[in-house]
Structures are given as C-alpha cells and as structure tokens.
Amino acid sequence: MMRLMGLAFVVLVGGGLTGSTARADETLPDLLAIQLRSQGYACDKPLKAERDDKLSKPDDEAWTLTCSNATYRVRRVPDLAAKVEKIEPSK
C-alpha cells in the first residue's frame, strides 16, 4: 500500500513538470501534507515547503514542511513511506 502511495506521489509531482495529472491548484506543500496525513501526522493547512539541500541526496530528498499547526522535516525515498520528524518550535 505504501509503495503504491509513493508511486502516486511521484506521478503527481513528476506529472506537474511535464503536464499536470494533478489538480492545477495543488502545490508541493499540499502534496507533502497529503503524504503526512496518510501516515497519521496532523497538518491542518500547509503553508510552505523548503528543500533542505544539505540533507538531500539523490533519491532521498529532505524537505521542511511548515503547516499552520506544526513544522516537520520530511525525507522522501522512492518506494518507501516518508521519514517524518516533528520539529519543535524554539523557545
């Protein structure tokens, strides 16, 4: 099941580059939030997604996803569930 969802994510994101199979109003933060929600994490409203170039590797992209209720570090590896780490706000 997770393999299928990973493939669907790749098709939606990749399809946006060559001709959209996703809705035109879906953005990268929206797609990352969908992935997190499917894995049980809360992301009420995705605000922005920033690629972390220092942590990213080929076939292992790292993103910081900021939602209205939390911030997450998301690592996307093909054919696997995303690795998600909740980032606690600094005090």
Protein backbone atom coordinates (compact mmCIF):
# COMPACT_ATOMS: atom_id res chain seq x y z
CA MET A 1 0.00 0.00 0.00
CA MET A 2 2.78 2.45 0.94
CA ARG A 3 4.61 1.56 -2.28
CA LEU A 4 1.51 2.50 -4.26
CA MET A 5 1.14 5.79 -2.38
CA GLY A 6 4.82 6.60 -3.01
CA LEU A 7 4.31 5.92 -6.70
CA ALA A 8 1.20 8.12 -6.72
CA PHE A 9 3.21 10.93 -5.10
CA VAL A 10 5.91 10.65 -7.76
CA VAL A 11 3.30 10.67 -10.54
CA LEU A 12 1.59 13.73 -9.09
CA VAL A 13 4.81 15.68 -8.55
CA GLY A 14 6.52 14.48 -11.74
CA GLY A 15 3.37 14.97 -13.76
CA GLY A 16 3.36 18.62 -12.77
CA LEU A 17 6.60 19.07 -14.68
CA THR A 18 5.51 17.52 -17.98
CA GLY A 19 1.77 18.04 -18.00
CA SER A 20 -0.40 18.01 -14.95
CA THR A 21 -2.29 14.91 -13.84
CA ALA A 22 -2.93 16.63 -10.51
CA ARG A 23 -5.34 19.48 -9.99
CA ALA A 24 -3.84 22.79 -11.03
CA ASP A 25 -4.27 24.28 -7.55
CA GLU A 26 -2.29 21.52 -5.77
CA THR A 27 1.15 22.71 -4.75
CA LEU A 28 4.18 20.91 -3.37
CA PRO A 29 3.23 21.81 0.23
CA ASP A 30 -0.25 20.36 -0.44
CA LEU A 31 1.22 17.12 -1.79
CA LEU A 32 3.65 16.74 1.11
CA ALA A 33 0.79 17.39 3.55
CA ILE A 34 -1.27 14.65 1.87
CA GLN A 35 1.64 12.25 2.34
CA LEU A 36 1.99 13.17 6.04
CA ARG A 37 -1.73 12.83 6.70
CA SER A 38 -1.74 9.40 5.06
CA GLN A 39 0.90 8.39 7.60
CA GLY A 40 -1.09 9.74 10.56
CA TYR A 41 0.51 13.17 11.08
CA ALA A 42 -1.57 16.32 11.51
CA CYS A 43 -1.08 19.13 9.02
CA ASP A 44 -4.15 21.36 9.12
CA LYS A 45 -3.04 23.82 6.45
CA PRO A 46 0.27 23.50 4.60
CA LEU A 47 1.92 26.91 4.37
CA LYS A 48 5.30 26.28 2.71
CA ALA A 49 7.78 23.58 1.79
CA GLU A 50 11.51 24.25 1.57
CA ARG A 51 14.03 21.75 0.21
CA ASP A 52 16.96 21.12 2.57
CA ASP A 53 19.92 20.90 0.20
CA LYS A 54 22.34 19.87 2.99
CA LEU A 55 20.30 16.80 3.95
CA SER A 56 19.09 15.89 0.46
CA LYS A 57 20.83 13.19 -1.56
CA PRO A 58 20.00 11.54 -4.87
CA ASP A 59 16.75 9.56 -4.40
CA ASP A 60 16.48 10.88 -0.81
CA GLU A 61 15.07 14.41 -0.75
CA ALA A 62 14.69 16.28 2.53
CA TRP A 63 12.04 18.96 2.97
CA THR A 64 10.91 21.22 5.78
CA LEU A 65 7.13 21.44 5.67
CA THR A 66 5.52 24.25 7.64
CA CYS A 67 1.86 23.74 8.48
CA SER A 68 -0.44 26.04 10.44
CA ASN A 69 -0.23 23.70 13.45
CA ALA A 70 3.28 22.15 13.22
CA THR A 71 6.56 22.00 11.32
CA TYR A 72 8.00 18.73 10.01
CA ARG A 73 11.21 17.50 8.42
CA VAL A 74 10.16 15.10 5.68
CA ARG A 75 12.53 12.74 3.87
CA ARG A 76 11.18 11.22 0.68
CA VAL A 77 12.72 7.99 -0.58
CA PRO A 78 11.21 6.28 -3.64
CA ASP A 79 9.02 3.24 -2.90
CA LEU A 80 9.09 3.83 0.88
CA ALA A 81 6.99 5.72 3.38
CA ALA A 82 8.27 9.21 4.11
CA LYS A 83 10.50 9.58 7.16
CA VAL A 84 8.89 12.30 9.25
CA GLU A 85 10.30 14.21 12.20
CA LYS A 86 8.26 16.85 14.02
CA ILE A 87 10.33 19.98 14.64
CA GLU A 88 9.55 21.59 17.96
CA PRO A 89 9.42 25.39 17.96
CA SER A 90 12.41 27.17 19.51
CA LYS A 91 11.75 28.95 22.79
